[in-house]
Amino acid sequence: MERLWRRGKRHPIGSRRQAMIAGKCGGVFCNLPDGTVCMCNYSYQHEDSDFLVGDTVILVVQRYAEEKKQMYGKILSKW
């Protein structure tokens, strides 16, 4: 829990971050350069076929689920 709280300070809600798509399985898992994993979905103008695993993207941090120790975001565009 402490680690997630620190990530909330490092990646505040509303901040934009560069990340790499690590996988797609019930959602899009993105790895930030510091090792943080963010569960993402796409912005309204994009769909799953627009992105591949390994693509570098820009995402916006939307919320934290402390009970699941998970960070959620939305993919805005390719880098």
PDB file of N, CA and C in Angstrom:
ATOM      1  N   MET A   1       0.822  -1.186   0.000  1.00  0.00           N
ATOM      2  CA  MET A   1       0.000   0.000   0.000  1.00  0.00           C
ATOM      3  C   MET A   1       0.872   1.259   0.000  1.00  0.00           C
ATOM      4  N   GLU A   2       1.930   1.229   0.769  1.00  0.00           N
ATOM      5  CA  GLU A   2       2.843   2.372   0.838  1.00  0.00           C
ATOM      6  C   GLU A   2       3.432   2.665  -0.540  1.00  0.00           C
ATOM      7  N   ARG A   3       3.782   1.612  -1.256  1.00  0.00           N
ATOM      8  CA  ARG A   3       4.379   1.784  -2.585  1.00  0.00           C
ATOM      9  C   ARG A   3       3.390   2.463  -3.536  1.00  0.00           C
ATOM     10  N   LEU A   4       2.118   2.054  -3.488  1.00  0.00           N
ATOM     11  CA  LEU A   4       1.100   2.661  -4.339  1.00  0.00           C
ATOM     12  C   LEU A   4       0.901   4.122  -3.965  1.00  0.00           C
ATOM     13  N   TRP A   5       0.927   4.428  -2.678  1.00  0.00           N
ATOM     14  CA  TRP A   5       0.777   5.813  -2.240  1.00  0.00           C
ATOM     15  C   TRP A   5       1.909   6.666  -2.803  1.00  0.00           C
ATOM     16  N   ARG A   6       3.131   6.136  -2.798  1.00  0.00           N
ATOM     17  CA  ARG A   6       4.265   6.880  -3.365  1.00  0.00           C
ATOM     18  C   ARG A   6       4.069   7.083  -4.858  1.00  0.00           C
ATOM     19  N   ARG A   7       3.522   6.085  -5.559  1.00  0.00           N
ATOM     20  CA  ARG A   7       3.273   6.233  -6.996  1.00  0.00           C
ATOM     21  C   ARG A   7       2.225   7.318  -7.243  1.00  0.00           C
ATOM     22  N   GLY A   8       1.268   7.454  -6.339  1.00  0.00           N
ATOM     23  CA  GLY A   8       0.271   8.508  -6.461  1.00  0.00           C
ATOM     24  C   GLY A   8       0.898   9.884  -6.387  1.00  0.00           C
ATOM     25  N   LYS A   9       1.995  10.000  -5.663  1.00  0.00           N
ATOM     26  CA  LYS A   9       2.726  11.271  -5.620  1.00  0.00           C
ATOM     27  C   LYS A   9       3.584  11.437  -6.873  1.00  0.00           C
ATOM     28  N   ARG A  10       4.138  10.331  -7.356  1.00  0.00           N
ATOM     29  CA  ARG A  10       5.001  10.376  -8.530  1.00  0.00           C
ATOM     30  C   ARG A  10       4.191  10.522  -9.818  1.00  0.00           C
ATOM     31  N   HIS A  11       3.015   9.918  -9.836  1.00  0.00           N
ATOM     32  CA  HIS A  11       2.136   9.952 -11.006  1.00  0.00           C
ATOM     33  C   HIS A  11       0.756  10.440 -10.567  1.00  0.00           C
ATOM     34  N   PRO A  12       0.621  11.739 -10.337  1.00  0.00           N
ATOM     35  CA  PRO A  12      -0.666  12.267  -9.846  1.00  0.00           C
ATOM     36  C   PRO A  12      -1.797  12.057 -10.866  1.00  0.00           C
ATOM     37  N   ILE A  13      -2.997  11.977 -10.360  1.00  0.00           N
ATOM     38  CA  ILE A  13      -4.167  11.859 -11.233  1.00  0.00           C
ATOM     39  C   ILE A  13      -4.206  13.074 -12.149  1.00  0.00           C
ATOM     40  N   GLY A  14      -4.416  12.807 -13.442  1.00  0.00           N
ATOM     41  CA  GLY A  14      -4.445  13.869 -14.448  1.00  0.00           C
ATOM     42  C   GLY A  14      -3.123  14.074 -15.158  1.00  0.00           C
ATOM     43  N   SER A  15      -2.046  13.459 -14.647  1.00  0.00           N
ATOM     44  CA  SER A  15      -0.744  13.629 -15.299  1.00  0.00           C
ATOM     45  C   SER A  15      -0.647  12.740 -16.540  1.00  0.00           C
ATOM     46  N   ARG A  16       0.124  13.189 -17.507  1.00  0.00           N
ATOM     47  CA  ARG A  16       0.351  12.422 -18.739  1.00  0.00           C
ATOM     48  C   ARG A  16       1.722  11.775 -18.656  1.00  0.00           C
ATOM     49  N   ARG A  17       1.790  10.525 -19.093  1.00  0.00           N
ATOM     50  CA  ARG A  17       3.028   9.762 -19.005  1.00  0.00           C
ATOM     51  C   ARG A  17       3.266   8.961 -20.274  1.00  0.00           C
ATOM     52  N   GLN A  18       4.538   8.759 -20.585  1.00  0.00           N
ATOM     53  CA  GLN A  18       4.935   7.882 -21.683  1.00  0.00           C
ATOM     54  C   GLN A  18       4.976   6.463 -21.129  1.00  0.00           C
ATOM     55  N   ALA A  19       4.498   5.501 -21.905  1.00  0.00           N
ATOM     56  CA  ALA A  19       4.501   4.107 -21.461  1.00  0.00           C
ATOM     57  C   ALA A  19       4.578   3.191 -22.680  1.00  0.00           C
ATOM     58  N   MET A  20       4.860   1.913 -22.418  1.00  0.00           N
ATOM     59  CA  MET A  20       4.906   0.922 -23.482  1.00  0.00           C
ATOM     60  C   MET A  20       3.812  -0.109 -23.230  1.00  0.00           C
ATOM     61  N   ILE A  21       3.089  -0.475 -24.279  1.00  0.00           N
ATOM     62  CA  ILE A  21       2.059  -1.496 -24.148  1.00  0.00           C
ATOM     63  C   ILE A  21       2.749  -2.844 -23.936  1.00  0.00           C
ATOM     64  N   ALA A  22       2.453  -3.457 -22.797  1.00  0.00           N
ATOM     65  CA  ALA A  22       3.093  -4.722 -22.435  1.00  0.00           C
ATOM     66  C   ALA A  22       2.213  -5.921 -22.767  1.00  0.00           C
ATOM     67  N   GLY A  23       0.918  -5.717 -22.817  1.00  0.00           N
ATOM     68  CA  GLY A  23       0.023  -6.825 -23.109  1.00  0.00           C
ATOM     69  C   GLY A  23      -1.413  -6.381 -23.203  1.00  0.00           C
ATOM     70  N   LYS A  24      -2.206  -7.251 -23.823  1.00  0.00           N
ATOM     71  CA  LYS A  24      -3.634  -7.011 -23.962  1.00  0.00           C
ATOM     72  C   LYS A  24      -4.348  -8.284 -23.533  1.00  0.00           C
ATOM     73  N   CYS A  25      -5.073  -8.197 -22.449  1.00  0.00           N
ATOM     74  CA  CYS A  25      -5.807  -9.365 -21.952  1.00  0.00           C
ATOM     75  C   CYS A  25      -6.895  -8.851 -21.016  1.00  0.00           C
ATOM     76  N   GLY A  26      -8.068  -8.590 -21.550  1.00  0.00           N
ATOM     77  CA  GLY A  26      -9.128  -8.020 -20.740  1.00  0.00           C
ATOM     78  C   GLY A  26      -8.923  -6.545 -20.457  1.00  0.00           C
ATOM     79  N   GLY A  27      -7.957  -5.964 -21.076  1.00  0.00           N
ATOM     80  CA  GLY A  27      -7.585  -4.561 -20.912  1.00  0.00           C
ATOM     81  C   GLY A  27      -6.201  -4.384 -21.503  1.00  0.00           C
ATOM     82  N   VAL A  28      -5.677  -3.187 -21.425  1.00  0.00           N
ATOM     83  CA  VAL A  28      -4.348  -2.910 -21.978  1.00  0.00           C
ATOM     84  C   VAL A  28      -3.419  -2.603 -20.811  1.00  0.00           C
ATOM     85  N   PHE A  29      -2.361  -3.392 -20.689  1.00  0.00           N
ATOM     86  CA  PHE A  29      -1.383  -3.200 -19.626  1.00  0.00           C
ATOM     87  C   PHE A  29      -0.214  -2.402 -20.170  1.00  0.00           C
ATOM     88  N   CYS A  30       0.075  -1.273 -19.538  1.00  0.00           N
ATOM     89  CA  CYS A  30       1.151  -0.395 -19.984  1.00  0.00           C
ATOM     90  C   CYS A  30       2.211  -0.287 -18.893  1.00  0.00           C
ATOM     91  N   ASN A  31       3.475  -0.378 -19.294  1.00  0.00           N
ATOM     92  CA  ASN A  31       4.595  -0.236 -18.371  1.00  0.00           C
ATOM     93  C   ASN A  31       5.190   1.158 -18.504  1.00  0.00           C
ATOM     94  N   LEU A  32       5.255   1.883 -17.402  1.00  0.00           N
ATOM     95  CA  LEU A  32       5.929   3.174 -17.378  1.00  0.00           C
ATOM     96  C   LEU A  32       7.425   2.936 -17.196  1.00  0.00           C
ATOM     97  N   PRO A  33       8.260   3.893 -17.574  1.00  0.00           N
ATOM     98  CA  PRO A  33       9.715   3.698 -17.473  1.00  0.00           C
ATOM     99  C   PRO A  33      10.224   3.365 -16.070  1.00  0.00           C
ATOM    100  N   ASP A  34       9.502   3.777 -15.019  1.00  0.00           N
ATOM    101  CA  ASP A  34       9.951   3.487 -13.655  1.00  0.00           C
ATOM    102  C   ASP A  34       9.467   2.134 -13.140  1.00  0.00           C
ATOM    103  N   GLY A  35       8.809   1.349 -13.999  1.00  0.00           N
ATOM    104  CA  GLY A  35       8.350   0.025 -13.613  1.00  0.00           C
ATOM    105  C   GLY A  35       6.900  -0.038 -13.169  1.00  0.00           C
ATOM    106  N   THR A  36       6.239   1.097 -13.090  1.00  0.00           N
ATOM    107  CA  THR A  36       4.832   1.124 -12.714  1.00  0.00           C
ATOM    108  C   THR A  36       3.998   0.521 -13.839  1.00  0.00           C
ATOM    109  N   VAL A  37       3.024  -0.315 -13.469  1.00  0.00           N
ATOM    110  CA  VAL A  37       2.096  -0.890 -14.442  1.00  0.00           C
ATOM    111  C   VAL A  37       0.773  -0.151 -14.323  1.00  0.00           C
ATOM    112  N   CYS A  38       0.229   0.240 -15.461  1.00  0.00           N
ATOM    113  CA  CYS A  38      -1.038   0.959 -15.500  1.00  0.00           C
ATOM    114  C   CYS A  38      -2.014   0.195 -16.387  1.00  0.00           C
ATOM    115  N   MET A  39      -3.185  -0.112 -15.840  1.00  0.00           N
ATOM    116  CA  MET A  39      -4.245  -0.772 -16.603  1.00  0.00           C
ATOM    117  C   MET A  39      -5.003   0.311 -17.352  1.00  0.00           C
ATOM    118  N   CYS A  40      -5.042   0.208 -18.681  1.00  0.00           N
ATOM    119  CA  CYS A  40      -5.600   1.295 -19.491  1.00  0.00           C
ATOM    120  C   CYS A  40      -6.732   0.833 -20.398  1.00  0.00           C
ATOM    121  N   ASN A  41      -7.471   1.825 -20.873  1.00  0.00           N
ATOM    122  CA  ASN A  41      -8.384   1.643 -21.991  1.00  0.00           C
ATOM    123  C   ASN A  41      -8.060   2.748 -22.989  1.00  0.00           C
ATOM    124  N   TYR A  42      -8.765   2.750 -24.102  1.00  0.00           N
ATOM    125  CA  TYR A  42      -8.467   3.707 -25.173  1.00  0.00           C
ATOM    126  C   TYR A  42      -9.387   4.921 -25.094  1.00  0.00           C
ATOM    127  N   SER A  43      -8.898   6.061 -25.560  1.00  0.00           N
ATOM    128  CA  SER A  43      -9.762   7.230 -25.684  1.00  0.00           C
ATOM    129  C   SER A  43     -10.761   6.960 -26.806  1.00  0.00           C
ATOM    130  N   TYR A  44     -11.819   7.744 -26.856  1.00  0.00           N
ATOM    131  CA  TYR A  44     -12.950   7.459 -27.749  1.00  0.00           C
ATOM    132  C   TYR A  44     -12.572   7.377 -29.230  1.00  0.00           C
ATOM    133  N   GLN A  45     -11.519   8.055 -29.661  1.00  0.00           N
ATOM    134  CA  GLN A  45     -11.182   8.062 -31.082  1.00  0.00           C
ATOM    135  C   GLN A  45     -10.294   6.888 -31.499  1.00  0.00           C
ATOM    136  N   HIS A  46      -9.916   6.035 -30.553  1.00  0.00           N
ATOM    137  CA  HIS A  46      -9.045   4.903 -30.857  1.00  0.00           C
ATOM    138  C   HIS A  46      -9.738   3.582 -30.579  1.00  0.00           C
ATOM    139  N   GLU A  47      -9.221   2.527 -31.209  1.00  0.00           N
ATOM    140  CA  GLU A  47      -9.716   1.175 -30.949  1.00  0.00           C
ATOM    141  C   GLU A  47      -8.530   0.228 -30.850  1.00  0.00           C
ATOM    142  N   ASP A  48      -8.796  -0.989 -30.448  1.00  0.00           N
ATOM    143  CA  ASP A  48      -7.748  -1.964 -30.161  1.00  0.00           C
ATOM    144  C   ASP A  48      -6.803  -2.180 -31.347  1.00  0.00           C
ATOM    145  N   SER A  49      -7.336  -2.184 -32.554  1.00  0.00           N
ATOM    146  CA  SER A  49      -6.501  -2.463 -33.734  1.00  0.00           C
ATOM    147  C   SER A  49      -5.524  -1.323 -34.059  1.00  0.00           C
ATOM    148  N   ASP A  50      -5.675  -0.173 -33.434  1.00  0.00           N
ATOM    149  CA  ASP A  50      -4.766   0.953 -33.664  1.00  0.00           C
ATOM    150  C   ASP A  50      -3.416   0.773 -32.968  1.00  0.00           C
ATOM    151  N   PHE A  51      -3.341  -0.165 -32.007  1.00  0.00           N
ATOM    152  CA  PHE A  51      -2.145  -0.314 -31.184  1.00  0.00           C
ATOM    153  C   PHE A  51      -1.693  -1.769 -31.133  1.00  0.00           C
ATOM    154  N   LEU A  52      -0.385  -1.960 -31.034  1.00  0.00           N
ATOM    155  CA  LEU A  52       0.213  -3.288 -30.913  1.00  0.00           C
ATOM    156  C   LEU A  52       1.008  -3.375 -29.617  1.00  0.00           C
ATOM    157  N   VAL A  53       1.186  -4.596 -29.122  1.00  0.00           N
ATOM    158  CA  VAL A  53       2.074  -4.796 -27.981  1.00  0.00           C
ATOM    159  C   VAL A  53       3.462  -4.312 -28.381  1.00  0.00           C
ATOM    160  N   GLY A  54       4.086  -3.520 -27.538  1.00  0.00           N
ATOM    161  CA  GLY A  54       5.394  -2.939 -27.824  1.00  0.00           C
ATOM    162  C   GLY A  54       5.338  -1.497 -28.281  1.00  0.00           C
ATOM    163  N   ASP A  55       4.153  -1.013 -28.646  1.00  0.00           N
ATOM    164  CA  ASP A  55       4.012   0.391 -29.045  1.00  0.00           C
ATOM    165  C   ASP A  55       4.242   1.306 -27.846  1.00  0.00           C
ATOM    166  N   THR A  56       4.861   2.441 -28.100  1.00  0.00           N
ATOM    167  CA  THR A  56       5.027   3.467 -27.077  1.00  0.00           C
ATOM    168  C   THR A  56       3.857   4.434 -27.199  1.00  0.00           C
ATOM    169  N   VAL A  57       3.231   4.730 -26.066  1.00  0.00           N
ATOM    170  CA  VAL A  57       2.018   5.546 -26.054  1.00  0.00           C
ATOM    171  C   VAL A  57       2.109   6.646 -24.998  1.00  0.00           C
ATOM    172  N   ILE A  58       1.191   7.596 -25.102  1.00  0.00           N
ATOM    173  CA  ILE A  58       0.992   8.611 -24.071  1.00  0.00           C
ATOM    174  C   ILE A  58      -0.324   8.275 -23.384  1.00  0.00           C
ATOM    175  N   LEU A  59      -0.285   8.208 -22.052  1.00  0.00           N
ATOM    176  CA  LEU A  59      -1.502   7.932 -21.291  1.00  0.00           C
ATOM    177  C   LEU A  59      -1.706   9.011 -20.243  1.00  0.00           C
ATOM    178  N   VAL A  60      -2.930   9.113 -19.787  1.00  0.00           N
ATOM    179  CA  VAL A  60      -3.253  10.023 -18.691  1.00  0.00           C
ATOM    180  C   VAL A  60      -3.698   9.165 -17.503  1.00  0.00           C
ATOM    181  N   VAL A  61      -3.150   9.456 -16.331  1.00  0.00           N
ATOM    182  CA  VAL A  61      -3.506   8.730 -15.115  1.00  0.00           C
ATOM    183  C   VAL A  61      -4.896   9.176 -14.687  1.00  0.00           C
ATOM    184  N   GLN A  62      -5.809   8.204 -14.487  1.00  0.00           N
ATOM    185  CA  GLN A  62      -7.194   8.541 -14.155  1.00  0.00           C
ATOM    186  C   GLN A  62      -7.555   8.297 -12.693  1.00  0.00           C
ATOM    187  N   ARG A  63      -7.083   7.183 -12.144  1.00  0.00           N
ATOM    188  CA  ARG A  63      -7.446   6.894 -10.754  1.00  0.00           C
ATOM    189  C   ARG A  63      -6.581   5.771 -10.204  1.00  0.00           C
ATOM    190  N   TYR A  64      -6.655   5.619  -8.904  1.00  0.00           N
ATOM    191  CA  TYR A  64      -5.993   4.527  -8.196  1.00  0.00           C
ATOM    192  C   TYR A  64      -7.054   3.732  -7.469  1.00  0.00           C
ATOM    193  N   ALA A  65      -6.937   2.409  -7.489  1.00  0.00           N
ATOM    194  CA  ALA A  65      -7.801   1.532  -6.706  1.00  0.00           C
ATOM    195  C   ALA A  65      -6.937   0.956  -5.599  1.00  0.00           C
ATOM    196  N   GLU A  66      -6.989   1.581  -4.439  1.00  0.00           N
ATOM    197  CA  GLU A  66      -6.116   1.167  -3.338  1.00  0.00           C
ATOM    198  C   GLU A  66      -6.396  -0.251  -2.889  1.00  0.00           C
ATOM    199  N   GLU A  67      -7.677  -0.668  -2.929  1.00  0.00           N
ATOM    200  CA  GLU A  67      -8.005  -2.022  -2.490  1.00  0.00           C
ATOM    201  C   GLU A  67      -7.395  -3.085  -3.402  1.00  0.00           C
ATOM    202  N   LYS A  68      -7.217  -2.756  -4.680  1.00  0.00           N
ATOM    203  CA  LYS A  68      -6.597  -3.680  -5.638  1.00  0.00           C
ATOM    204  C   LYS A  68      -5.123  -3.362  -5.873  1.00  0.00           C
ATOM    205  N   LYS A  69      -4.658  -2.236  -5.310  1.00  0.00           N
ATOM    206  CA  LYS A  69      -3.295  -1.758  -5.531  1.00  0.00           C
ATOM    207  C   LYS A  69      -3.008  -1.629  -7.032  1.00  0.00           C
ATOM    208  N   GLN A  70      -3.927  -0.958  -7.722  1.00  0.00           N
ATOM    209  CA  GLN A  70      -3.850  -0.840  -9.174  1.00  0.00           C
ATOM    210  C   GLN A  70      -4.002   0.621  -9.592  1.00  0.00           C
ATOM    211  N   MET A  71      -3.283   0.989 -10.661  1.00  0.00           N
ATOM    212  CA  MET A  71      -3.391   2.320 -11.253  1.00  0.00           C
ATOM    213  C   MET A  71      -4.105   2.181 -12.587  1.00  0.00           C
ATOM    214  N   TYR A  72      -5.027   3.103 -12.868  1.00  0.00           N
ATOM    215  CA  TYR A  72      -5.801   3.060 -14.100  1.00  0.00           C
ATOM    216  C   TYR A  72      -5.563   4.323 -14.918  1.00  0.00           C
ATOM    217  N   GLY A  73      -5.593   4.169 -16.244  1.00  0.00           N
ATOM    218  CA  GLY A  73      -5.386   5.307 -17.117  1.00  0.00           C
ATOM    219  C   GLY A  73      -6.098   5.139 -18.444  1.00  0.00           C
ATOM    220  N   LYS A  74      -5.918   6.146 -19.298  1.00  0.00           N
ATOM    221  CA  LYS A  74      -6.511   6.127 -20.629  1.00  0.00           C
ATOM    222  C   LYS A  74      -5.409   6.449 -21.633  1.00  0.00           C
ATOM    223  N   ILE A  75      -5.314   5.633 -22.678  1.00  0.00           N
ATOM    224  CA  ILE A  75      -4.330   5.871 -23.738  1.00  0.00           C
ATOM    225  C   ILE A  75      -4.849   6.982 -24.627  1.00  0.00           C
ATOM    226  N   LEU A  76      -4.026   8.018 -24.796  1.00  0.00           N
ATOM    227  CA  LEU A  76      -4.420   9.172 -25.601  1.00  0.00           C
ATOM    228  C   LEU A  76      -3.917   9.076 -27.034  1.00  0.00           C
ATOM    229  N   SER A  77      -2.677   8.606 -27.214  1.00  0.00           N
ATOM    230  CA  SER A  77      -2.095   8.557 -28.558  1.00  0.00           C
ATOM    231  C   SER A  77      -0.816   7.718 -28.558  1.00  0.00           C
ATOM    232  N   LYS A  78      -0.348   7.431 -29.778  1.00  0.00           N
ATOM    233  CA  LYS A  78       0.972   6.816 -29.918  1.00  0.00           C
ATOM    234  C   LYS A  78       2.013   7.900 -29.721  1.00  0.00           C
ATOM    235  N   TRP A  79       3.192   7.486 -29.308  1.00  0.00           N
ATOM    236  CA  TRP A  79       4.290   8.433 -29.093  1.00  0.00           C
ATOM    237  C   TRP A  79       4.987   8.704 -30.388  1.00  0.00           C
TER     238      TRP A  79
END
